[in-house]
N, C-alpha and C. Protein backbone atom coordinates (compact mmCIF):
# COMPACT_ATOMS: atom_id res chain seq x y z
N UNK A 1 277.51 -7.72 88.37
CA UNK A 1 276.35 -8.14 89.11
C UNK A 1 275.92 -9.62 88.51
N UNK A 2 275.77 -10.47 89.28
CA UNK A 2 275.28 -11.69 88.81
C UNK A 2 273.66 -11.76 89.07
N UNK A 3 273.18 -12.33 88.11
CA UNK A 3 271.59 -12.38 88.10
C UNK A 3 271.26 -13.88 87.62
N UNK A 4 270.47 -14.52 88.56
CA UNK A 4 269.82 -15.72 88.33
C UNK A 4 268.57 -15.72 87.46
N UNK A 5 268.93 -16.44 86.16
CA UNK A 5 267.57 -16.61 85.33
C UNK A 5 267.31 -17.92 84.96
N UNK A 6 266.15 -18.03 84.77
CA UNK A 6 265.61 -19.40 84.54
C UNK A 6 264.78 -19.23 83.20
N UNK A 7 265.24 -19.92 82.09
CA UNK A 7 264.53 -20.03 80.76
C UNK A 7 263.69 -21.24 80.83
N UNK A 8 262.48 -20.96 80.50
CA UNK A 8 261.48 -22.00 80.53
C UNK A 8 260.66 -21.97 79.10
N UNK A 9 260.71 -23.18 78.48
CA UNK A 9 259.74 -23.34 77.20
C UNK A 9 258.76 -24.43 77.45
N UNK A 10 257.69 -24.19 76.88
CA UNK A 10 256.72 -25.46 76.82
C UNK A 10 255.76 -25.28 75.74
N UNK A 11 255.10 -26.36 75.63
CA UNK A 11 254.04 -26.40 74.42
C UNK A 11 253.17 -27.54 74.63
N UNK A 12 252.47 -27.88 73.74
CA UNK A 12 251.43 -28.92 73.74
C UNK A 12 252.23 -30.33 73.75
N UNK A 13 253.26 -30.49 73.61
CA UNK A 13 254.18 -31.88 73.41
C UNK A 13 255.07 -31.73 74.81
N UNK A 14 254.81 -30.79 75.61
CA UNK A 14 255.59 -30.71 77.04
C UNK A 14 254.87 -31.77 78.05
N UNK A 15 255.66 -32.50 78.83
CA UNK A 15 254.93 -33.38 79.74
C UNK A 15 254.38 -32.58 80.83
N UNK A 16 254.72 -31.41 81.39
CA UNK A 16 254.42 -30.67 82.40
C UNK A 16 254.11 -29.14 81.95
N UNK A 17 253.00 -28.44 82.45
CA UNK A 17 252.91 -26.93 81.94
C UNK A 17 253.77 -26.13 82.83
N UNK A 18 255.19 -26.25 82.56
CA UNK A 18 256.09 -25.67 83.45
C UNK A 18 256.03 -23.98 83.62
N UNK A 19 255.53 -23.34 82.57
CA UNK A 19 255.47 -21.81 82.71
C UNK A 19 254.29 -21.54 83.64
N UNK A 20 253.09 -22.25 83.37
CA UNK A 20 251.83 -21.91 84.26
C UNK A 20 252.33 -22.37 85.54
N UNK A 21 252.96 -23.54 85.85
CA UNK A 21 253.41 -23.83 87.18
C UNK A 21 254.39 -22.66 87.86
N UNK A 22 255.11 -22.10 87.09
CA UNK A 22 255.98 -21.12 87.43
C UNK A 22 255.07 -19.78 87.94
N UNK A 23 254.06 -19.54 87.06
CA UNK A 23 253.32 -18.27 87.33
C UNK A 23 252.48 -18.64 88.78
N UNK A 24 251.97 -19.75 88.85
CA UNK A 24 251.37 -20.16 90.01
C UNK A 24 252.30 -20.01 91.22
N UNK A 25 253.34 -20.60 91.14
CA UNK A 25 254.28 -20.41 92.18
C UNK A 25 254.62 -18.82 92.77
N UNK A 26 254.77 -18.01 91.73
CA UNK A 26 254.80 -16.63 92.01
C UNK A 26 253.82 -16.15 92.62
N UNK A 27 252.58 -16.35 92.05
CA UNK A 27 251.38 -15.84 92.65
C UNK A 27 251.08 -16.43 94.07
N UNK A 28 251.21 -17.62 94.32
CA UNK A 28 250.93 -18.18 95.59
C UNK A 28 251.93 -18.00 96.78
N UNK A 29 253.21 -17.63 96.12
CA UNK A 29 254.32 -17.39 97.33
C UNK A 29 254.47 -15.70 97.50
N UNK A 30 253.62 -14.99 96.75
CA UNK A 30 253.67 -13.52 97.20
C UNK A 30 253.17 -13.27 98.51
N UNK A 31 253.87 -12.50 99.24
CA UNK A 31 253.61 -11.82 100.59
C UNK A 31 253.11 -10.47 100.58
N UNK A 32 253.44 -9.63 99.62
CA UNK A 32 253.19 -8.15 99.62
C UNK A 32 252.42 -7.81 98.38
N UNK A 33 252.99 -8.17 97.22
CA UNK A 33 252.23 -7.89 96.08
C UNK A 33 252.38 -8.69 94.96
N UNK A 34 251.72 -8.80 93.78
CA UNK A 34 252.07 -9.35 92.73
C UNK A 34 251.35 -8.56 91.40
N UNK A 35 252.07 -8.13 90.48
CA UNK A 35 251.42 -7.35 89.44
C UNK A 35 251.68 -8.10 87.99
N UNK A 36 250.47 -7.97 87.42
CA UNK A 36 250.48 -8.87 86.11
C UNK A 36 250.07 -8.04 85.02
N UNK A 37 250.74 -8.00 83.97
CA UNK A 37 250.27 -7.36 82.66
C UNK A 37 250.04 -8.32 81.63
N UNK A 38 249.15 -8.48 81.02
CA UNK A 38 248.70 -9.47 79.94
C UNK A 38 247.74 -8.94 78.94
N UNK A 39 248.03 -9.13 77.62
CA UNK A 39 246.85 -8.67 76.66
C UNK A 39 245.66 -9.59 76.58
N UNK A 40 245.83 -10.70 77.06
CA UNK A 40 244.66 -11.64 77.17
C UNK A 40 244.43 -12.24 78.43
N UNK A 41 243.19 -12.19 79.07
CA UNK A 41 243.04 -12.75 80.39
C UNK A 41 241.89 -13.75 80.35
N UNK A 42 242.27 -15.09 80.12
CA UNK A 42 241.21 -16.20 80.15
C UNK A 42 241.87 -17.14 80.99
N UNK A 43 241.85 -16.99 82.24
CA UNK A 43 242.78 -17.92 83.11
C UNK A 43 242.14 -19.22 83.15
N UNK A 44 243.03 -20.22 83.31
CA UNK A 44 242.72 -21.75 83.43
C UNK A 44 242.28 -21.74 84.97
N UNK A 45 241.66 -22.86 85.37
CA UNK A 45 241.23 -22.91 86.62
C UNK A 45 242.37 -22.61 87.83
N UNK A 46 243.51 -23.18 87.57
CA UNK A 46 244.62 -23.20 88.56
C UNK A 46 245.08 -21.78 88.74
N UNK A 47 245.13 -21.12 87.74
CA UNK A 47 245.59 -19.72 87.56
C UNK A 47 244.58 -18.83 88.36
N UNK A 48 243.32 -18.94 87.91
CA UNK A 48 242.14 -18.14 88.63
C UNK A 48 242.26 -18.49 89.94
N UNK A 49 242.29 -19.73 90.57
CA UNK A 49 242.40 -20.17 92.22
C UNK A 49 243.38 -19.40 92.58
N UNK A 50 244.74 -19.46 91.90
CA UNK A 50 245.89 -18.76 92.58
C UNK A 50 245.79 -17.34 92.95
N UNK A 51 245.31 -16.59 91.82
CA UNK A 51 245.04 -15.16 91.92
C UNK A 51 243.96 -14.84 93.00
N UNK A 52 242.89 -15.49 92.90
CA UNK A 52 241.78 -15.38 93.74
C UNK A 52 242.35 -15.64 95.28
N UNK A 53 243.13 -16.60 95.47
CA UNK A 53 243.47 -17.06 96.84
C UNK A 53 244.48 -16.06 97.39
N UNK A 54 245.30 -15.47 96.45
CA UNK A 54 246.23 -14.41 96.95
C UNK A 54 245.45 -13.11 97.28
N UNK A 55 244.64 -12.76 96.41
CA UNK A 55 243.81 -11.63 96.86
C UNK A 55 243.10 -11.68 98.12
N UNK A 56 242.43 -12.84 98.33
CA UNK A 56 241.70 -13.16 99.61
C UNK A 56 242.76 -13.30 100.80
N UNK A 57 243.91 -13.60 100.51
CA UNK A 57 244.98 -13.57 101.61
C UNK A 57 245.51 -12.22 102.03
N UNK A 58 245.09 -11.27 101.25
CA UNK A 58 245.48 -9.91 101.62
C UNK A 58 246.90 -9.42 100.57
N UNK A 59 247.12 -10.14 99.68
CA UNK A 59 248.11 -9.63 98.75
C UNK A 59 247.53 -8.66 97.86
N UNK A 60 248.56 -7.47 97.55
CA UNK A 60 248.14 -6.61 96.65
C UNK A 60 248.28 -7.11 95.23
N UNK A 61 247.15 -7.73 94.72
CA UNK A 61 247.17 -8.24 93.39
C UNK A 61 246.68 -7.37 92.47
N UNK A 62 247.31 -7.06 91.31
CA UNK A 62 246.91 -6.16 90.35
C UNK A 62 247.10 -6.74 89.01
N UNK A 63 246.10 -6.50 88.07
CA UNK A 63 246.02 -7.00 86.74
C UNK A 63 245.89 -5.90 85.91
N UNK A 64 246.68 -5.56 84.90
CA UNK A 64 246.51 -4.56 83.82
C UNK A 64 246.36 -5.35 82.35
N UNK A 65 245.18 -4.91 81.83
CA UNK A 65 244.87 -5.67 80.60
C UNK A 65 244.38 -4.40 79.66
N UNK A 66 244.44 -4.62 78.30
CA UNK A 66 244.01 -3.47 77.45
C UNK A 66 242.47 -3.28 77.59
N UNK A 67 242.07 -2.10 77.60
CA UNK A 67 240.65 -1.66 77.76
C UNK A 67 239.88 -2.41 76.61
N UNK A 68 240.56 -2.12 75.34
CA UNK A 68 239.75 -2.66 74.17
C UNK A 68 240.76 -3.70 73.56
N UNK A 69 240.32 -4.84 73.45
CA UNK A 69 241.16 -5.84 72.70
C UNK A 69 241.29 -5.79 71.17
N UNK A 70 242.18 -6.83 70.79
CA UNK A 70 242.30 -6.59 69.41
C UNK A 70 241.44 -7.87 68.75
N UNK A 71 240.84 -8.60 69.56
CA UNK A 71 239.78 -9.59 69.11
C UNK A 71 238.51 -9.38 69.96
N UNK A 72 237.44 -9.06 69.39
CA UNK A 72 236.30 -8.91 69.96
C UNK A 72 235.89 -10.03 71.01
N UNK A 73 235.77 -11.20 70.53
CA UNK A 73 235.30 -12.36 71.08
C UNK A 73 236.14 -12.69 72.26
N UNK A 74 237.56 -12.58 72.40
CA UNK A 74 238.26 -12.61 73.64
C UNK A 74 238.13 -11.74 74.54
N UNK A 75 237.67 -10.27 74.08
CA UNK A 75 237.59 -9.34 74.94
C UNK A 75 236.38 -9.48 75.70
N UNK A 76 235.22 -9.79 75.13
CA UNK A 76 233.96 -10.28 75.64
C UNK A 76 234.14 -11.56 76.52
N UNK A 77 234.70 -12.42 76.24
CA UNK A 77 235.03 -13.67 76.98
C UNK A 77 235.78 -13.21 78.40
N UNK A 78 236.69 -12.35 78.22
CA UNK A 78 237.57 -12.01 79.48
C UNK A 78 236.65 -11.21 80.49
N UNK A 79 235.51 -10.43 80.02
CA UNK A 79 235.03 -9.48 80.94
C UNK A 79 234.48 -10.21 82.29
N UNK A 80 233.82 -11.27 82.19
CA UNK A 80 233.29 -11.83 83.44
C UNK A 80 234.29 -12.26 84.42
N UNK A 81 235.60 -12.66 83.72
CA UNK A 81 236.57 -13.11 84.73
C UNK A 81 237.32 -11.91 85.18
N UNK A 82 237.39 -10.75 84.66
CA UNK A 82 238.01 -9.56 85.08
C UNK A 82 237.03 -8.97 86.27
N UNK A 83 235.79 -9.03 86.04
CA UNK A 83 234.76 -8.72 87.01
C UNK A 83 234.88 -9.48 88.23
N UNK A 84 234.98 -10.78 88.08
CA UNK A 84 235.27 -11.85 89.05
C UNK A 84 236.37 -11.38 90.09
N UNK A 85 237.51 -11.11 89.15
CA UNK A 85 238.86 -10.65 89.90
C UNK A 85 238.43 -9.45 90.85
N UNK A 86 237.91 -8.40 90.10
CA UNK A 86 237.61 -7.03 90.76
C UNK A 86 236.89 -7.27 92.20
N UNK A 87 235.80 -8.00 91.89
CA UNK A 87 234.88 -8.26 93.14
C UNK A 87 235.63 -8.96 94.28
N UNK A 88 236.75 -9.75 93.92
CA UNK A 88 237.35 -10.58 94.93
C UNK A 88 238.54 -9.86 95.48
N UNK A 89 238.64 -8.32 95.16
CA UNK A 89 239.76 -7.69 95.66
C UNK A 89 240.83 -7.45 94.83
N UNK A 90 241.04 -7.90 93.77
CA UNK A 90 242.06 -7.72 92.80
C UNK A 90 241.95 -6.35 92.02
N UNK A 91 242.96 -5.53 91.96
CA UNK A 91 242.82 -4.10 91.32
C UNK A 91 242.97 -4.57 89.78
N UNK A 92 241.81 -4.41 89.37
CA UNK A 92 241.81 -4.70 87.64
C UNK A 92 241.87 -3.32 87.09
N UNK A 93 242.96 -3.12 86.16
CA UNK A 93 242.99 -1.94 85.54
C UNK A 93 242.95 -2.03 83.93
N UNK A 94 242.25 -1.08 83.15
CA UNK A 94 241.96 -1.10 81.87
C UNK A 94 243.08 -0.13 81.13
N UNK A 95 244.02 -0.67 80.37
CA UNK A 95 245.05 0.12 79.84
C UNK A 95 244.33 1.04 78.63
N UNK A 96 244.42 2.38 78.83
CA UNK A 96 243.66 3.30 77.89
C UNK A 96 244.63 3.75 76.60
N UNK A 97 245.92 3.64 76.69
CA UNK A 97 246.75 4.53 75.76
C UNK A 97 246.72 3.80 74.46
N UNK A 98 246.76 2.46 74.28
CA UNK A 98 246.76 1.71 73.11
C UNK A 98 246.50 0.37 73.59
N UNK A 99 246.62 -0.61 72.48
CA UNK A 99 246.63 -2.05 72.73
C UNK A 99 247.89 -2.52 73.46
N UNK A 100 247.65 -2.94 74.77
CA UNK A 100 248.71 -3.33 75.61
C UNK A 100 248.96 -4.86 75.25
N UNK A 101 250.24 -5.12 74.88
CA UNK A 101 250.76 -6.53 74.42
C UNK A 101 251.85 -6.88 75.50
N UNK A 102 252.09 -6.29 76.45
CA UNK A 102 253.22 -6.59 77.44
C UNK A 102 252.65 -7.81 78.16
N UNK A 103 253.71 -8.71 78.55
CA UNK A 103 253.38 -10.00 79.16
C UNK A 103 254.32 -10.17 80.43
N UNK A 104 253.95 -9.54 81.45
CA UNK A 104 255.13 -9.57 82.67
C UNK A 104 254.18 -9.85 83.94
N UNK A 105 255.09 -10.43 84.77
CA UNK A 105 254.45 -10.52 86.42
C UNK A 105 255.78 -10.30 87.09
N UNK A 106 255.55 -9.47 88.31
CA UNK A 106 256.58 -9.13 89.21
C UNK A 106 255.96 -9.30 90.52
N UNK A 107 256.74 -9.82 91.54
CA UNK A 107 256.25 -10.06 93.00
C UNK A 107 257.42 -9.73 93.89
N UNK A 108 256.77 -9.05 94.81
CA UNK A 108 257.62 -8.72 96.04
C UNK A 108 258.98 -7.99 95.88
N UNK A 109 259.25 -7.43 94.81
CA UNK A 109 260.67 -6.95 94.48
C UNK A 109 261.71 -8.15 94.58
N UNK A 110 261.39 -9.33 94.29
CA UNK A 110 262.42 -10.31 94.29
C UNK A 110 262.32 -11.24 93.13
N UNK A 111 261.14 -11.40 92.30
CA UNK A 111 261.20 -12.33 91.32
C UNK A 111 260.20 -11.70 90.23
N UNK A 112 260.41 -11.89 89.05
CA UNK A 112 259.56 -11.46 87.88
C UNK A 112 259.82 -12.37 86.71
N UNK A 113 259.00 -12.29 85.59
CA UNK A 113 258.91 -13.13 84.54
C UNK A 113 258.41 -12.12 83.41
N UNK A 114 258.83 -12.59 82.28
CA UNK A 114 258.49 -11.88 80.97
C UNK A 114 258.74 -12.95 79.96
N UNK A 115 258.05 -12.94 78.82
CA UNK A 115 258.23 -13.87 77.66
C UNK A 115 256.93 -13.53 76.81
N UNK A 116 256.87 -14.77 76.20
CA UNK A 116 255.67 -14.89 75.15
C UNK A 116 254.42 -15.21 75.69
N UNK A 117 254.25 -15.77 76.83
CA UNK A 117 253.11 -16.39 77.51
C UNK A 117 252.09 -15.33 77.98
N UNK A 118 250.81 -15.52 77.42
CA UNK A 118 249.57 -14.74 77.78
C UNK A 118 249.08 -15.37 78.87
N UNK A 119 248.20 -14.76 79.57
CA UNK A 119 247.47 -15.41 80.82
C UNK A 119 246.18 -15.93 80.15
N UNK A 120 246.23 -17.14 79.27
CA UNK A 120 245.18 -17.70 78.86
C UNK A 120 245.18 -19.07 78.42
N UNK A 121 244.19 -19.73 78.28
CA UNK A 121 244.23 -21.23 78.00
C UNK A 121 245.18 -21.73 76.74
N UNK A 122 245.12 -20.81 75.77
CA UNK A 122 245.94 -21.19 74.58
C UNK A 122 247.47 -21.18 74.73
N UNK A 123 247.82 -20.08 75.50
CA UNK A 123 249.29 -20.04 75.76
C UNK A 123 249.78 -21.12 76.88
N UNK A 124 248.81 -21.48 77.94
CA UNK A 124 249.23 -22.63 78.60
C UNK A 124 248.91 -23.95 78.19
N UNK A 125 248.24 -24.07 77.23
CA UNK A 125 247.69 -25.65 76.75
C UNK A 125 248.00 -25.84 75.36
N UNK A 126 248.09 -24.93 74.34
CA UNK A 126 248.04 -25.04 73.15
C UNK A 126 249.27 -24.71 72.26
N UNK A 127 249.95 -23.49 72.66
CA UNK A 127 250.95 -22.70 72.09
C UNK A 127 252.44 -23.23 72.55
N UNK A 128 253.36 -23.10 71.68
CA UNK A 128 254.76 -23.29 72.23
C UNK A 128 255.05 -21.89 72.59
N UNK A 129 255.53 -21.81 74.08
CA UNK A 129 255.93 -20.48 74.62
C UNK A 129 257.22 -20.45 75.30
N UNK A 130 257.76 -19.41 75.57
CA UNK A 130 259.03 -19.25 76.39
C UNK A 130 258.99 -18.09 77.18
N UNK A 131 259.29 -18.17 78.26
CA UNK A 131 259.55 -17.17 79.39
C UNK A 131 260.81 -17.24 80.18
N UNK A 132 261.08 -15.96 80.62
CA UNK A 132 262.44 -16.12 81.66
C UNK A 132 261.99 -15.76 82.91
N UNK A 133 262.39 -16.48 83.75
CA UNK A 133 262.13 -16.14 85.24
C UNK A 133 263.35 -15.60 85.75
N UNK A 134 263.14 -14.41 86.47
CA UNK A 134 264.38 -13.51 86.95
C UNK A 134 264.24 -13.44 88.55
N UNK A 135 265.26 -14.13 89.02
CA UNK A 135 265.38 -13.95 90.50
C UNK A 135 266.42 -12.87 91.07
N UNK A 136 265.98 -11.54 90.89
CA UNK A 136 266.95 -10.53 91.12
C UNK A 136 266.13 -9.25 91.51
N UNK A 137 266.66 -8.73 92.67
CA UNK A 137 265.97 -7.58 93.37
C UNK A 137 265.90 -6.31 92.21
N UNK A 138 267.05 -6.07 91.74
CA UNK A 138 267.10 -4.54 90.95
C UNK A 138 266.20 -4.95 89.72
N UNK A 139 266.28 -6.09 89.03
CA UNK A 139 265.47 -6.17 87.86
C UNK A 139 264.02 -6.27 88.12
N UNK A 140 263.55 -6.83 89.34
CA UNK A 140 262.30 -6.93 89.65
C UNK A 140 261.73 -5.58 90.05
N UNK A 141 262.56 -4.74 90.71
CA UNK A 141 261.97 -3.37 91.03
C UNK A 141 261.96 -2.56 89.62
N UNK A 142 262.76 -2.86 88.74
CA UNK A 142 262.65 -2.20 87.26
C UNK A 142 261.39 -2.44 86.67
N UNK A 143 260.96 -3.93 86.66
CA UNK A 143 259.97 -4.23 86.06
C UNK A 143 258.68 -3.74 86.87
N UNK A 144 258.58 -3.77 88.13
CA UNK A 144 257.59 -3.18 89.01
C UNK A 144 257.50 -1.77 88.59
N UNK A 145 258.37 -0.99 88.32
CA UNK A 145 258.22 0.56 87.99
C UNK A 145 257.70 0.64 86.70
N UNK A 146 258.15 -0.23 85.67
CA UNK A 146 257.34 -0.38 84.40
C UNK A 146 255.97 -0.53 84.57
N UNK A 147 255.64 -1.57 85.36
CA UNK A 147 254.12 -1.82 85.52
C UNK A 147 253.53 -0.52 86.32
N UNK A 148 253.89 0.04 87.26
CA UNK A 148 253.51 1.26 87.80
C UNK A 148 253.31 2.59 86.87
N UNK A 149 254.20 2.59 85.98
CA UNK A 149 254.26 3.71 84.83
C UNK A 149 253.03 3.33 84.03
N UNK A 150 252.93 2.09 83.49
CA UNK A 150 251.72 1.93 82.66
C UNK A 150 250.22 1.81 83.18
N UNK A 151 250.25 1.48 84.49
CA UNK A 151 249.17 1.71 85.24
C UNK A 151 248.56 3.19 85.41
N UNK A 152 249.42 4.16 85.24
CA UNK A 152 249.14 5.56 85.20
C UNK A 152 248.29 5.74 83.99
N UNK A 153 248.32 5.15 83.05
CA UNK A 153 247.47 5.17 81.62
C UNK A 153 246.40 4.29 81.59
N UNK A 154 245.69 3.95 82.63
CA UNK A 154 244.81 3.03 82.93
C UNK A 154 243.54 3.42 83.70
N UNK A 155 242.53 2.97 83.37
CA UNK A 155 241.18 3.01 84.14
C UNK A 155 240.68 1.90 84.95
N UNK A 156 240.60 2.13 86.35
CA UNK A 156 240.04 1.00 87.22
C UNK A 156 238.86 0.40 86.76
N UNK A 157 238.72 -0.79 86.42
CA UNK A 157 237.37 -1.44 86.17
C UNK A 157 236.26 -1.16 87.10
N UNK A 158 236.53 -1.00 88.41
CA UNK A 158 235.49 -0.48 89.43
C UNK A 158 235.06 0.96 89.23
N UNK A 159 235.61 1.63 88.30
CA UNK A 159 235.13 3.10 87.98
C UNK A 159 234.25 2.91 86.70
N UNK A 160 234.06 1.75 86.12
CA UNK A 160 233.08 1.58 85.05
C UNK A 160 231.89 0.96 85.31
N UNK A 161 230.78 1.53 85.77
CA UNK A 161 229.52 0.99 86.27
C UNK A 161 229.18 -0.07 85.14
N UNK A 162 229.05 0.39 83.98
CA UNK A 162 228.63 -0.51 82.87
C UNK A 162 229.21 -1.85 82.63
N UNK A 163 230.62 -1.98 83.23
CA UNK A 163 231.29 -3.04 83.30
C UNK A 163 231.14 -4.05 84.38
N UNK A 164 230.87 -3.14 85.52
CA UNK A 164 230.68 -3.97 86.98
C UNK A 164 229.33 -4.33 87.07
N UNK A 165 228.40 -3.73 86.77
CA UNK A 165 226.99 -4.11 86.73
C UNK A 165 226.34 -4.02 85.18
N UNK A 166 226.75 -4.97 84.51
CA UNK A 166 226.07 -5.11 83.19
C UNK A 166 224.58 -5.54 83.21
N UNK A 167 223.82 -5.13 82.25
CA UNK A 167 222.56 -5.61 81.98
C UNK A 167 222.50 -7.26 81.91
N UNK A 168 221.33 -7.76 82.06
CA UNK A 168 221.14 -9.41 82.06
C UNK A 168 221.53 -9.75 80.67
N UNK A 169 221.23 -8.91 79.64
CA UNK A 169 221.49 -9.55 78.32
C UNK A 169 223.16 -9.47 77.99
N UNK A 170 223.65 -8.50 78.59
CA UNK A 170 225.24 -8.34 78.40
C UNK A 170 225.88 -9.52 79.31
N UNK A 171 225.40 -9.74 80.55
CA UNK A 171 225.74 -11.06 81.21
C UNK A 171 225.62 -12.27 80.51
N UNK A 172 224.59 -12.43 79.81
CA UNK A 172 224.38 -13.75 79.14
C UNK A 172 225.30 -13.81 78.12
N UNK A 173 225.53 -12.80 77.35
CA UNK A 173 226.46 -12.84 76.17
C UNK A 173 227.90 -13.01 76.90
N UNK A 174 228.29 -12.38 77.88
CA UNK A 174 229.61 -12.57 78.39
C UNK A 174 229.71 -14.18 78.74
N UNK A 175 228.66 -14.68 79.32
CA UNK A 175 228.56 -16.31 79.83
C UNK A 175 228.83 -17.13 78.70
N UNK A 176 228.07 -16.80 77.59
CA UNK A 176 228.35 -17.56 76.43
C UNK A 176 229.76 -17.44 75.96
N UNK A 177 230.37 -16.43 75.82
CA UNK A 177 231.61 -16.42 75.44
C UNK A 177 232.57 -16.84 76.30
N UNK A 178 232.27 -16.90 77.72
CA UNK A 178 233.12 -17.44 78.61
C UNK A 178 233.23 -18.84 78.54
N UNK A 179 232.02 -19.51 78.15
CA UNK A 179 232.13 -20.99 77.91
C UNK A 179 232.89 -21.40 76.70
N UNK A 180 233.25 -20.47 75.76
CA UNK A 180 234.03 -20.79 74.64
C UNK A 180 235.52 -20.38 74.98
N UNK A 181 235.91 -19.91 76.12
CA UNK A 181 237.03 -19.51 76.38
C UNK A 181 238.46 -20.49 76.25
N UNK A 182 238.12 -21.75 76.77
CA UNK A 182 239.13 -22.77 76.36
C UNK A 182 239.56 -22.84 74.98
N UNK A 183 238.55 -22.46 74.11
CA UNK A 183 238.82 -22.77 72.62
C UNK A 183 239.48 -21.59 72.04
N UNK A 184 239.29 -20.29 72.64
CA UNK A 184 239.88 -19.10 72.10
C UNK A 184 241.49 -18.89 72.24
């Protein structure tokens, strides 16, 4: 079986943010669904816009992140982004089993990507990263099934009232850490 793969590497010396552009293309071209697993969710404005636009267009957008991060500051900084996604119709799931370090995206059973790139500023703008984009139905279906299996071990963000409707002091702390997110 022939499979079309596209290896993409980029970093701070790259003339274009090719991996981020690939992510945006997958999200914006999704017709039925796009599923994303990432250990860190501090999206750039472009990624944020793409995800919110897809969700508002009726695409089944799902985001799976660890319930408890390995860095408290990043975990707090991501909370308001996650809540914003859930309020816009993205299904945000918090992985309970362990720390989730998977970095995958799959869309419409025909394209997927995996690699070293997190869904955060640092990966898109500061780090040297490498991903493979796979244009294949059977590989995409297998990655979709991996996502759906991982989702079975997660709690919906909307099922956690303390995360969806935090107190004023918590929202202030989230806002402060969110301001720092481009530096994290």
